[in-house]
PDB file of N, CA and C in Angstrom:
ATOM      1  N   MET A   1     130.698  16.537 -73.245  1.00  0.00           N
ATOM      2  CA  MET A   1     130.821  16.544 -74.813  1.00  0.00           C
ATOM      3  C   MET A   1     130.423  17.942 -75.175  1.00  0.00           C
ATOM      4  N   LYS A   2     131.049  18.515 -76.045  1.00  0.00           N
ATOM      5  CA  LYS A   2     130.995  19.917 -76.796  1.00  0.00           C
ATOM      6  C   LYS A   2     130.054  19.483 -78.030  1.00  0.00           C
ATOM      7  N   ILE A   3     129.092  20.485 -78.117  1.00  0.00           N
ATOM      8  CA  ILE A   3     127.997  20.255 -79.045  1.00  0.00           C
ATOM      9  C   ILE A   3     128.120  21.701 -79.744  1.00  0.00           C
ATOM     10  N   THR A   4     128.239  21.408 -81.192  1.00  0.00           N
ATOM     11  CA  THR A   4     128.376  22.785 -82.156  1.00  0.00           C
ATOM     12  C   THR A   4     127.157  22.681 -83.149  1.00  0.00           C
ATOM     13  N   ASN A   5     126.754  21.365 -83.228  1.00  0.00           N
ATOM     14  CA  ASN A   5     125.667  21.296 -84.421  1.00  0.00           C
ATOM     15  C   ASN A   5     124.394  20.679 -83.500  1.00  0.00           C
ATOM     16  N   LYS A   6     123.541  20.543 -84.385  1.00  0.00           N
ATOM     17  CA  LYS A   6     122.154  19.997 -83.792  1.00  0.00           C
ATOM     18  C   LYS A   6     122.296  18.562 -82.947  1.00  0.00           C
ATOM     19  N   LEU A   7     121.395  18.934 -81.944  1.00  0.00           N
ATOM     20  CA  LEU A   7     121.318  17.645 -80.925  1.00  0.00           C
ATOM     21  C   LEU A   7     119.538  17.669 -80.872  1.00  0.00           C
ATOM     22  N   SER A   8     119.290  16.331 -80.924  1.00  0.00           N
ATOM     23  CA  SER A   8     117.682  15.978 -80.588  1.00  0.00           C
ATOM     24  C   SER A   8     117.340  16.077 -79.238  1.00  0.00           C
ATOM     25  N   LEU A   9     116.099  16.399 -78.911  1.00  0.00           N
ATOM     26  CA  LEU A   9     115.721  16.218 -77.596  1.00  0.00           C
ATOM     27  C   LEU A   9     115.815  14.558 -77.243  1.00  0.00           C
ATOM     28  N   ASP A  10     115.875  13.655 -78.110  1.00  0.00           N
ATOM     29  CA  ASP A  10     115.917  12.232 -77.568  1.00  0.00           C
ATOM     30  C   ASP A  10     117.429  12.199 -77.050  1.00  0.00           C
ATOM     31  N   GLU A  11     118.140  12.703 -78.062  1.00  0.00           N
ATOM     32  CA  GLU A  11     119.563  12.543 -77.476  1.00  0.00           C
ATOM     33  C   GLU A  11     119.828  13.287 -76.116  1.00  0.00           C
ATOM     34  N   ILE A  12     119.150  14.323 -75.812  1.00  0.00           N
ATOM     35  CA  ILE A  12     119.463  14.922 -74.446  1.00  0.00           C
ATOM     36  C   ILE A  12     118.549  14.027 -73.416  1.00  0.00           C
ATOM     37  N   THR A  13     117.422  13.481 -73.855  1.00  0.00           N
ATOM     38  CA  THR A  13     116.657  12.734 -72.935  1.00  0.00           C
ATOM     39  C   THR A  13     117.701  11.357 -72.550  1.00  0.00           C
ATOM     40  N   THR A  14     118.212  10.802 -73.635  1.00  0.00           N
ATOM     41  CA  THR A  14     119.152   9.752 -73.212  1.00  0.00           C
ATOM     42  C   THR A  14     120.630  10.108 -72.366  1.00  0.00           C
ATOM     43  N   LEU A  15     121.184  11.232 -72.554  1.00  0.00           N
ATOM     44  CA  LEU A  15     122.221  11.798 -71.753  1.00  0.00           C
ATOM     45  C   LEU A  15     121.619  12.050 -70.234  1.00  0.00           C
ATOM     46  N   ALA A  16     120.371  12.575 -70.243  1.00  0.00           N
ATOM     47  CA  ALA A  16     119.923  12.802 -68.809  1.00  0.00           C
ATOM     48  C   ALA A  16     119.534  11.348 -68.071  1.00  0.00           C
ATOM     49  N   GLU A  17     119.035  10.441 -68.711  1.00  0.00           N
ATOM     50  CA  GLU A  17     118.931   9.263 -68.079  1.00  0.00           C
ATOM     51  C   GLU A  17     120.180   8.397 -67.790  1.00  0.00           C
ATOM     52  N   GLU A  18     121.266   8.762 -68.382  1.00  0.00           N
ATOM     53  CA  GLU A  18     122.538   8.019 -68.068  1.00  0.00           C
ATOM     54  C   GLU A  18     123.219   8.960 -67.058  1.00  0.00           C
ATOM     55  N   SER A  19     122.695  10.046 -66.636  1.00  0.00           N
ATOM     56  CA  SER A  19     123.277  10.926 -65.659  1.00  0.00           C
ATOM     57  C   SER A  19     122.552  11.006 -64.361  1.00  0.00           C
ATOM     58  N   PHE A  20     121.560  11.954 -64.342  1.00  0.00           N
ATOM     59  CA  PHE A  20     120.824  12.259 -63.186  1.00  0.00           C
ATOM     60  C   PHE A  20     119.514  11.747 -63.278  1.00  0.00           C
ATOM     61  N   GLY A  21     119.075  11.017 -64.167  1.00  0.00           N
ATOM     62  CA  GLY A  21     117.508  10.505 -64.672  1.00  0.00           C
ATOM     63  C   GLY A  21     116.795  11.524 -65.311  1.00  0.00           C
ATOM     64  N   ASP A  22     116.296  12.704 -64.674  1.00  0.00           N
ATOM     65  CA  ASP A  22     115.385  13.428 -65.327  1.00  0.00           C
ATOM     66  C   ASP A  22     116.056  14.707 -65.817  1.00  0.00           C
ATOM     67  N   PHE A  23     117.317  15.253 -65.505  1.00  0.00           N
ATOM     68  CA  PHE A  23     117.945  16.474 -66.122  1.00  0.00           C
ATOM     69  C   PHE A  23     119.467  15.873 -66.540  1.00  0.00           C
ATOM     70  N   VAL A  24     120.119  16.744 -67.242  1.00  0.00           N
ATOM     71  CA  VAL A  24     121.342  16.914 -67.751  1.00  0.00           C
ATOM     72  C   VAL A  24     122.166  18.327 -67.420  1.00  0.00           C
ATOM     73  N   LYS A  25     123.308  18.397 -66.899  1.00  0.00           N
ATOM     74  CA  LYS A  25     123.953  19.509 -66.869  1.00  0.00           C
ATOM     75  C   LYS A  25     124.711  19.990 -67.998  1.00  0.00           C
ATOM     76  N   ALA A  26     124.699  21.189 -68.276  1.00  0.00           N
ATOM     77  CA  ALA A  26     125.340  21.782 -69.430  1.00  0.00           C
ATOM     78  C   ALA A  26     125.903  23.222 -69.087  1.00  0.00           C
ATOM     79  N   VAL A  27     126.795  23.551 -69.796  1.00  0.00           N
ATOM     80  CA  VAL A  27     127.680  24.929 -69.682  1.00  0.00           C
ATOM     81  C   VAL A  27     127.486  25.416 -71.299  1.00  0.00           C
ATOM     82  N   VAL A  28     126.999  26.672 -71.115  1.00  0.00           N
ATOM     83  CA  VAL A  28     126.655  27.396 -72.582  1.00  0.00           C
ATOM     84  C   VAL A  28     127.842  28.622 -72.667  1.00  0.00           C
ATOM     85  N   ASP A  29     128.348  28.593 -73.952  1.00  0.00           N
ATOM     86  CA  ASP A  29     129.448  29.766 -73.880  1.00  0.00           C
ATOM     87  C   ASP A  29     128.507  30.746 -75.015  1.00  0.00           C
ATOM     88  N   ILE A  30     128.186  31.612 -74.149  1.00  0.00           N
ATOM     89  CA  ILE A  30     127.234  32.771 -74.979  1.00  0.00           C
ATOM     90  C   ILE A  30     127.987  33.346 -76.110  1.00  0.00           C
ATOM     91  N   GLU A  31     129.210  33.569 -76.139  1.00  0.00           N
ATOM     92  CA  GLU A  31     129.922  34.322 -77.347  1.00  0.00           C
ATOM     93  C   GLU A  31     130.018  33.378 -78.393  1.00  0.00           C
ATOM     94  N   ARG A  32     130.545  31.996 -78.240  1.00  0.00           N
ATOM     95  CA  ARG A  32     130.662  31.044 -79.228  1.00  0.00           C
ATOM     96  C   ARG A  32     129.599  30.464 -79.804  1.00  0.00           C
ATOM     97  N   GLY A  33     128.438  30.456 -79.171  1.00  0.00           N
ATOM     98  CA  GLY A  33     127.364  29.832 -79.443  1.00  0.00           C
ATOM     99  C   GLY A  33     127.372  28.257 -79.305  1.00  0.00           C
ATOM    100  N   ILE A  34     128.128  27.683 -78.400  1.00  0.00           N
ATOM    101  CA  ILE A  34     128.383  26.344 -78.274  1.00  0.00           C
ATOM    102  C   ILE A  34     128.036  25.911 -76.754  1.00  0.00           C
ATOM    103  N   ILE A  35     127.694  24.613 -76.623  1.00  0.00           N
ATOM    104  CA  ILE A  35     127.547  24.170 -75.219  1.00  0.00           C
ATOM    105  C   ILE A  35     128.222  22.803 -75.038  1.00  0.00           C
ATOM    106  N   SER A  36     128.497  22.512 -73.773  1.00  0.00           N
ATOM    107  CA  SER A  36     129.015  21.308 -73.380  1.00  0.00           C
ATOM    108  C   SER A  36     128.079  20.554 -72.598  1.00  0.00           C
ATOM    109  N   ILE A  37     127.811  19.425 -72.758  1.00  0.00           N
ATOM    110  CA  ILE A  37     126.766  18.737 -72.077  1.00  0.00           C
ATOM    111  C   ILE A  37     126.912  17.278 -71.623  1.00  0.00           C
ATOM    112  N   GLY A  38     126.382  17.173 -70.408  1.00  0.00           N
ATOM    113  CA  GLY A  38     126.508  15.555 -69.865  1.00  0.00           C
ATOM    114  C   GLY A  38     127.544  15.225 -68.954  1.00  0.00           C
ATOM    115  N   GLY A  39     128.581  16.403 -68.285  1.00  0.00           N
ATOM    116  CA  GLY A  39     129.447  16.240 -67.335  1.00  0.00           C
ATOM    117  C   GLY A  39     128.618  15.899 -65.937  1.00  0.00           C
ATOM    118  N   GLU A  40     129.377  15.401 -64.918  1.00  0.00           N
ATOM    119  CA  GLU A  40     128.851  15.171 -63.542  1.00  0.00           C
ATOM    120  C   GLU A  40     128.760  16.365 -62.937  1.00  0.00           C
ATOM    121  N   LEU A  41     129.560  17.328 -63.258  1.00  0.00           N
ATOM    122  CA  LEU A  41     129.753  18.658 -62.484  1.00  0.00           C
ATOM    123  C   LEU A  41     129.691  19.720 -63.828  1.00  0.00           C
ATOM    124  N   HIS A  42     128.923  20.753 -63.401  1.00  0.00           N
ATOM    125  CA  HIS A  42     129.086  21.979 -64.447  1.00  0.00           C
ATOM    126  C   HIS A  42     130.532  22.298 -64.562  1.00  0.00           C
ATOM    127  N   SER A  43     131.380  22.103 -63.491  1.00  0.00           N
ATOM    128  CA  SER A  43     132.787  22.617 -63.854  1.00  0.00           C
ATOM    129  C   SER A  43     133.700  21.711 -64.713  1.00  0.00           C
ATOM    130  N   ASP A  44     133.274  20.285 -64.883  1.00  0.00           N
ATOM    131  CA  ASP A  44     133.881  19.454 -65.897  1.00  0.00           C
ATOM    132  C   ASP A  44     133.706  20.136 -67.176  1.00  0.00           C
ATOM    133  N   GLU A  45     132.230  20.416 -67.634  1.00  0.00           N
ATOM    134  CA  GLU A  45     132.068  20.890 -68.770  1.00  0.00           C
ATOM    135  C   GLU A  45     132.789  22.476 -68.893  1.00  0.00           C
ATOM    136  N   GLU A  46     132.702  23.060 -68.026  1.00  0.00           N
ATOM    137  CA  GLU A  46     133.549  24.456 -68.039  1.00  0.00           C
ATOM    138  C   GLU A  46     134.971  24.023 -68.558  1.00  0.00           C
ATOM    139  N   SER A  47     135.532  23.289 -67.868  1.00  0.00           N
ATOM    140  CA  SER A  47     136.956  22.956 -67.905  1.00  0.00           C
ATOM    141  C   SER A  47     137.200  22.685 -69.578  1.00  0.00           C
ATOM    142  N   MET A  48     136.440  21.541 -69.886  1.00  0.00           N
ATOM    143  CA  MET A  48     136.423  21.247 -71.223  1.00  0.00           C
ATOM    144  C   MET A  48     136.467  22.360 -72.274  1.00  0.00           C
ATOM    145  N   LEU A  49     135.479  23.321 -72.000  1.00  0.00           N
ATOM    146  CA  LEU A  49     135.266  24.626 -72.740  1.00  0.00           C
ATOM    147  C   LEU A  49     136.368  25.623 -72.697  1.00  0.00           C
ATOM    148  N   LEU A  50     136.823  25.758 -71.468  1.00  0.00           N
ATOM    149  CA  LEU A  50     138.057  26.481 -71.433  1.00  0.00           C
ATOM    150  C   LEU A  50     139.246  26.109 -72.145  1.00  0.00           C
ATOM    151  N   ASP A  51     139.441  24.692 -72.168  1.00  0.00           N
ATOM    152  CA  ASP A  51     140.648  24.226 -72.815  1.00  0.00           C
ATOM    153  C   ASP A  51     140.448  24.227 -74.361  1.00  0.00           C
ATOM    154  N   ASP A  52     138.964  24.425 -74.844  1.00  0.00           N
ATOM    155  CA  ASP A  52     138.882  24.602 -76.286  1.00  0.00           C
ATOM    156  C   ASP A  52     138.932  26.268 -76.670  1.00  0.00           C
ATOM    157  N   GLY A  53     139.186  27.047 -75.734  1.00  0.00           N
ATOM    158  CA  GLY A  53     139.443  28.286 -76.422  1.00  0.00           C
ATOM    159  C   GLY A  53     138.352  29.089 -75.604  1.00  0.00           C
ATOM    160  N   SER A  54     137.297  28.829 -74.921  1.00  0.00           N
ATOM    161  CA  SER A  54     136.168  29.742 -74.532  1.00  0.00           C
ATOM    162  C   SER A  54     136.898  30.588 -73.291  1.00  0.00           C
ATOM    163  N   ARG A  55     136.202  31.726 -72.961  1.00  0.00           N
ATOM    164  CA  ARG A  55     136.711  32.542 -72.058  1.00  0.00           C
ATOM    165  C   ARG A  55     135.656  32.359 -70.811  1.00  0.00           C
ATOM    166  N   GLN A  56     136.379  32.487 -69.660  1.00  0.00           N
ATOM    167  CA  GLN A  56     135.405  32.193 -68.542  1.00  0.00           C
ATOM    168  C   GLN A  56     134.219  33.100 -68.290  1.00  0.00           C
ATOM    169  N   GLU A  57     134.374  34.385 -68.645  1.00  0.00           N
ATOM    170  CA  GLU A  57     133.215  35.140 -68.630  1.00  0.00           C
ATOM    171  C   GLU A  57     132.138  35.158 -69.376  1.00  0.00           C
ATOM    172  N   ASP A  58     132.291  34.139 -70.406  1.00  0.00           N
ATOM    173  CA  ASP A  58     131.354  33.649 -71.214  1.00  0.00           C
ATOM    174  C   ASP A  58     130.380  32.544 -70.836  1.00  0.00           C
ATOM    175  N   LEU A  59     130.849  31.670 -70.073  1.00  0.00           N
ATOM    176  CA  LEU A  59     130.411  30.499 -69.639  1.00  0.00           C
ATOM    177  C   LEU A  59     129.474  30.621 -68.313  1.00  0.00           C
ATOM    178  N   TRP A  60     128.280  29.902 -68.730  1.00  0.00           N
ATOM    179  CA  TRP A  60     127.125  29.781 -67.877  1.00  0.00           C
ATOM    180  C   TRP A  60     126.616  28.434 -67.741  1.00  0.00           C
ATOM    181  N   GLY A  61     126.356  28.028 -66.445  1.00  0.00           N
ATOM    182  CA  GLY A  61     125.755  26.833 -66.282  1.00  0.00           C
ATOM    183  C   GLY A  61     124.278  26.529 -66.107  1.00  0.00           C
ATOM    184  N   ILE A  62     123.903  25.636 -66.764  1.00  0.00           N
ATOM    185  CA  ILE A  62     122.426  25.318 -66.740  1.00  0.00           C
ATOM    186  C   ILE A  62     122.149  24.019 -66.563  1.00  0.00           C
ATOM    187  N   ASN A  63     120.950  23.720 -66.043  1.00  0.00           N
ATOM    188  CA  ASN A  63     120.430  22.297 -66.164  1.00  0.00           C
ATOM    189  C   ASN A  63     119.189  22.170 -67.075  1.00  0.00           C
ATOM    190  N   ILE A  64     119.265  21.014 -67.914  1.00  0.00           N
ATOM    191  CA  ILE A  64     118.045  20.905 -68.833  1.00  0.00           C
ATOM    192  C   ILE A  64     117.245  19.692 -68.414  1.00  0.00           C
ATOM    193  N   TYR A  65     115.921  19.944 -68.539  1.00  0.00           N
ATOM    194  CA  TYR A  65     114.947  18.891 -68.126  1.00  0.00           C
ATOM    195  C   TYR A  65     114.223  18.331 -69.283  1.00  0.00           C
ATOM    196  N   PRO A  66     114.815  17.528 -70.053  1.00  0.00           N
ATOM    197  CA  PRO A  66     113.791  17.215 -71.359  1.00  0.00           C
ATOM    198  C   PRO A  66     112.454  16.956 -71.539  1.00  0.00           C
ATOM    199  N   ALA A  67     112.072  16.259 -70.272  1.00  0.00           N
ATOM    200  CA  ALA A  67     110.549  15.735 -70.218  1.00  0.00           C
ATOM    201  C   ALA A  67     109.748  17.051 -69.970  1.00  0.00           C
ATOM    202  N   LEU A  68     110.237  18.232 -69.673  1.00  0.00           N
ATOM    203  CA  LEU A  68     109.446  19.317 -69.385  1.00  0.00           C
ATOM    204  C   LEU A  68     108.997  20.106 -70.554  1.00  0.00           C
ATOM    205  N   PRO A  69     107.935  20.922 -70.516  1.00  0.00           N
ATOM    206  CA  PRO A  69     107.740  21.785 -71.729  1.00  0.00           C
ATOM    207  C   PRO A  69     108.651  22.692 -71.952  1.00  0.00           C
ATOM    208  N   GLU A  70     108.804  23.144 -73.307  1.00  0.00           N
ATOM    209  CA  GLU A  70     110.068  23.840 -73.562  1.00  0.00           C
ATOM    210  C   GLU A  70     110.081  25.345 -72.573  1.00  0.00           C
ATOM    211  N   ASP A  71     109.029  25.845 -72.454  1.00  0.00           N
ATOM    212  CA  ASP A  71     109.404  27.085 -71.228  1.00  0.00           C
ATOM    213  C   ASP A  71     109.817  26.908 -69.982  1.00  0.00           C
ATOM    214  N   LYS A  72     109.783  25.694 -69.487  1.00  0.00           N
ATOM    215  CA  LYS A  72     110.096  25.057 -68.133  1.00  0.00           C
ATOM    216  C   LYS A  72     111.381  24.196 -68.126  1.00  0.00           C
ATOM    217  N   ARG A  73     111.908  23.999 -69.219  1.00  0.00           N
ATOM    218  CA  ARG A  73     112.963  23.056 -69.589  1.00  0.00           C
ATOM    219  C   ARG A  73     114.292  23.527 -69.022  1.00  0.00           C
ATOM    220  N   VAL A  74     114.729  24.717 -69.040  1.00  0.00           N
ATOM    221  CA  VAL A  74     115.925  25.111 -68.589  1.00  0.00           C
ATOM    222  C   VAL A  74     115.994  25.810 -67.160  1.00  0.00           C
ATOM    223  N   GLU A  75     116.831  25.314 -66.342  1.00  0.00           N
ATOM    224  CA  GLU A  75     116.955  25.747 -65.069  1.00  0.00           C
ATOM    225  C   GLU A  75     118.352  26.524 -65.019  1.00  0.00           C
ATOM    226  N   PHE A  76     118.399  27.714 -64.653  1.00  0.00           N
ATOM    227  CA  PHE A  76     119.587  28.541 -64.461  1.00  0.00           C
ATOM    228  C   PHE A  76     120.136  28.674 -63.341  1.00  0.00           C
ATOM    229  N   ASP A  77     120.692  27.183 -62.952  1.00  0.00           N
ATOM    230  CA  ASP A  77     121.283  27.281 -61.371  1.00  0.00           C
ATOM    231  C   ASP A  77     122.676  26.391 -61.578  1.00  0.00           C
ATOM    232  N   SER A  78     123.743  26.990 -61.241  1.00  0.00           N
ATOM    233  CA  SER A  78     125.020  26.325 -61.120  1.00  0.00           C
ATOM    234  C   SER A  78     125.893  27.262 -60.218  1.00  0.00           C
ATOM    235  N   MET A  79     126.749  26.512 -59.517  1.00  0.00           N
ATOM    236  CA  MET A  79     127.921  27.142 -58.908  1.00  0.00           C
ATOM    237  C   MET A  79     128.789  27.988 -59.662  1.00  0.00           C
ATOM    238  N   ILE A  80     128.843  27.517 -60.780  1.00  0.00           N
ATOM    239  CA  ILE A  80     129.964  28.326 -61.632  1.00  0.00           C
ATOM    240  C   ILE A  80     129.257  29.505 -61.969  1.00  0.00           C
ATOM    241  N   ASN A  81     127.924  29.985 -61.977  1.00  0.00           N
ATOM    242  CA  ASN A  81     127.305  31.435 -62.030  1.00  0.00           C
ATOM    243  C   ASN A  81     127.647  32.207 -61.027  1.00  0.00           C
ATOM    244  N   ILE A  82     128.284  31.822 -59.868  1.00  0.00           N
ATOM    245  CA  ILE A  82     128.460  33.037 -58.834  1.00  0.00           C
ATOM    246  C   ILE A  82     129.828  33.601 -59.371  1.00  0.00           C
ATOM    247  N   ARG A  83     129.459  34.864 -59.548  1.00  0.00           N
ATOM    248  CA  ARG A  83     130.537  35.665 -60.193  1.00  0.00           C
ATOM    249  C   ARG A  83     130.356  36.971 -59.541  1.00  0.00           C
ATOM    250  N   PRO A  84     130.731  37.474 -58.407  1.00  0.00           N
ATOM    251  CA  PRO A  84     130.712  38.547 -57.969  1.00  0.00           C
ATOM    252  C   PRO A  84     131.301  39.768 -58.861  1.00  0.00           C
ATOM    253  N   LYS A  85     132.399  39.368 -59.317  1.00  0.00           N
ATOM    254  CA  LYS A  85     133.140  40.398 -60.598  1.00  0.00           C
ATOM    255  C   LYS A  85     132.255  40.958 -61.539  1.00  0.00           C
ATOM    256  N   GLN A  86     131.383  39.977 -62.190  1.00  0.00           N
ATOM    257  CA  GLN A  86     130.512  40.314 -63.225  1.00  0.00           C
ATOM    258  C   GLN A  86     129.081  40.533 -62.532  1.00  0.00           C
ATOM    259  N   ASN A  87     128.995  41.076 -61.332  1.00  0.00           N
ATOM    260  CA  ASN A  87     127.694  41.259 -60.620  1.00  0.00           C
ATOM    261  C   ASN A  87     126.412  40.106 -60.630  1.00  0.00           C
ATOM    262  N   ASN A  88     126.961  38.919 -60.594  1.00  0.00           N
ATOM    263  CA  ASN A  88     126.194  37.868 -60.461  1.00  0.00           C
ATOM    264  C   ASN A  88     126.691  37.073 -59.190  1.00  0.00           C
ATOM    265  N   ARG A  89     125.842  37.383 -58.330  1.00  0.00           N
ATOM    266  CA  ARG A  89     125.941  36.759 -56.899  1.00  0.00           C
ATOM    267  C   ARG A  89     125.376  35.576 -56.380  1.00  0.00           C
ATOM    268  N   SER A  90     124.455  34.996 -57.267  1.00  0.00           N
ATOM    269  CA  SER A  90     123.869  33.930 -57.122  1.00  0.00           C
ATOM    270  C   SER A  90     124.220  32.845 -57.866  1.00  0.00           C
ATOM    271  N   ARG A  91     123.613  31.778 -57.633  1.00  0.00           N
ATOM    272  CA  ARG A  91     123.825  30.317 -58.413  1.00  0.00           C
ATOM    273  C   ARG A  91     123.036  30.581 -59.665  1.00  0.00           C
ATOM    274  N   GLY A  92     122.035  31.399 -59.700  1.00  0.00           N
ATOM    275  CA  GLY A  92     121.243  31.607 -61.014  1.00  0.00           C
ATOM    276  C   GLY A  92     121.929  32.696 -61.865  1.00  0.00           C
ATOM    277  N   ILE A  93     121.114  33.054 -63.059  1.00  0.00           N
ATOM    278  CA  ILE A  93     121.697  34.067 -63.736  1.00  0.00           C
ATOM    279  C   ILE A  93     120.903  35.229 -63.811  1.00  0.00           C
ATOM    280  N   ASP A  94     121.456  36.146 -63.087  1.00  0.00           N
ATOM    281  CA  ASP A  94     120.686  37.301 -62.693  1.00  0.00           C
ATOM    282  C   ASP A  94     120.164  38.189 -63.950  1.00  0.00           C
ATOM    283  N   ARG A  95     121.052  38.408 -65.138  1.00  0.00           N
ATOM    284  CA  ARG A  95     120.659  39.137 -65.983  1.00  0.00           C
ATOM    285  C   ARG A  95     120.022  38.728 -66.990  1.00  0.00           C
ATOM    286  N   PRO A  96     118.850  39.231 -67.258  1.00  0.00           N
ATOM    287  CA  PRO A  96     117.680  38.496 -68.271  1.00  0.00           C
ATOM    288  C   PRO A  96     118.295  38.481 -69.701  1.00  0.00           C
ATOM    289  N   GLU A  97     119.152  39.540 -69.967  1.00  0.00           N
ATOM    290  CA  GLU A  97     119.692  39.423 -71.693  1.00  0.00           C
ATOM    291  C   GLU A  97     120.814  37.929 -71.598  1.00  0.00           C
ATOM    292  N   ILE A  98     121.459  37.596 -70.553  1.00  0.00           N
ATOM    293  CA  ILE A  98     122.096  36.615 -70.761  1.00  0.00           C
ATOM    294  C   ILE A  98     121.170  35.246 -70.645  1.00  0.00           C
ATOM    295  N   ARG A  99     120.308  35.378 -69.815  1.00  0.00           N
ATOM    296  CA  ARG A  99     119.439  34.239 -70.090  1.00  0.00           C
ATOM    297  C   ARG A  99     118.721  33.937 -71.477  1.00  0.00           C
ATOM    298  N   GLU A 100     118.292  35.070 -71.861  1.00  0.00           N
ATOM    299  CA  GLU A 100     117.709  35.063 -73.299  1.00  0.00           C
ATOM    300  C   GLU A 100     118.652  34.558 -74.285  1.00  0.00           C
ATOM    301  N   ARG A 101     120.109  34.816 -74.217  1.00  0.00           N
ATOM    302  CA  ARG A 101     121.036  34.384 -75.029  1.00  0.00           C
ATOM    303  C   ARG A 101     121.164  32.895 -74.960  1.00  0.00           C
ATOM    304  N   ILE A 102     121.100  32.346 -73.758  1.00  0.00           N
ATOM    305  CA  ILE A 102     121.229  30.950 -73.583  1.00  0.00           C
ATOM    306  C   ILE A 102     120.103  30.256 -74.394  1.00  0.00           C
ATOM    307  N   LEU A 103     118.832  30.732 -74.013  1.00  0.00           N
ATOM    308  CA  LEU A 103     117.694  30.106 -74.952  1.00  0.00           C
ATOM    309  C   LEU A 103     117.785  30.021 -76.129  1.00  0.00           C
ATOM    310  N   LEU A 104     118.179  31.276 -76.779  1.00  0.00           N
ATOM    311  CA  LEU A 104     118.437  31.487 -78.099  1.00  0.00           C
ATOM    312  C   LEU A 104     119.580  30.248 -78.759  1.00  0.00           C
ATOM    313  N   ILE A 105     120.601  30.155 -77.870  1.00  0.00           N
ATOM    314  CA  ILE A 105     121.679  29.170 -78.384  1.00  0.00           C
ATOM    315  C   ILE A 105     121.048  27.736 -78.313  1.00  0.00           C
ATOM    316  N   LEU A 106     120.478  27.595 -77.134  1.00  0.00           N
ATOM    317  CA  LEU A 106     119.656  26.273 -77.081  1.00  0.00           C
ATOM    318  C   LEU A 106     118.574  25.875 -78.014  1.00  0.00           C
ATOM    319  N   LYS A 107     117.869  27.022 -78.541  1.00  0.00           N
ATOM    320  CA  LYS A 107     116.837  26.823 -79.627  1.00  0.00           C
ATOM    321  C   LYS A 107     117.563  26.459 -80.971  1.00  0.00           C
ATOM    322  N   ASN A 108     118.728  26.908 -81.066  1.00  0.00           N
ATOM    323  CA  ASN A 108     119.636  26.802 -82.400  1.00  0.00           C
ATOM    324  C   ASN A 108     120.208  25.330 -82.526  1.00  0.00           C
ATOM    325  N   ILE A 109     120.462  24.882 -81.324  1.00  0.00           N
ATOM    326  CA  ILE A 109     121.237  23.482 -81.155  1.00  0.00           C
ATOM    327  C   ILE A 109     120.199  22.383 -81.046  1.00  0.00           C
ATOM    328  N   VAL A 110     119.038  22.394 -80.147  1.00  0.00           N
ATOM    329  CA  VAL A 110     118.461  21.677 -80.004  1.00  0.00           C
ATOM    330  C   VAL A 110     117.338  21.174 -80.990  1.00  0.00           C
ATOM    331  N   ASP A 111     117.094  20.345 -81.458  1.00  0.00           N
ATOM    332  CA  ASP A 111     116.166  20.116 -82.535  1.00  0.00           C
ATOM    333  C   ASP A 111     114.943  19.269 -82.146  1.00  0.00           C
TER     334      ASP A 111
END
């Protein structure tokens, strides 16, 4: 599901409970400031955003653990993050500035 407006932490908790129990997968478009959340795979959400006009290089996969404190809630781990062409050779997000942009987008969307 593509999210461009506010989403409550309770709604994220419900999505987590419906999918993996304690977390939910999401993909963030760092240029458009939107997220897709709740797919079985990060690639499902990535495909939806690509179909919606996002660019591959702007999409990053994360996991959200709504029950954890805010500073531990986001895990930067996804197969879609492996991008040697963008100097990201791990499932994580190696560049701090990208992680910071993701956290800012989430802060603006998650209420």
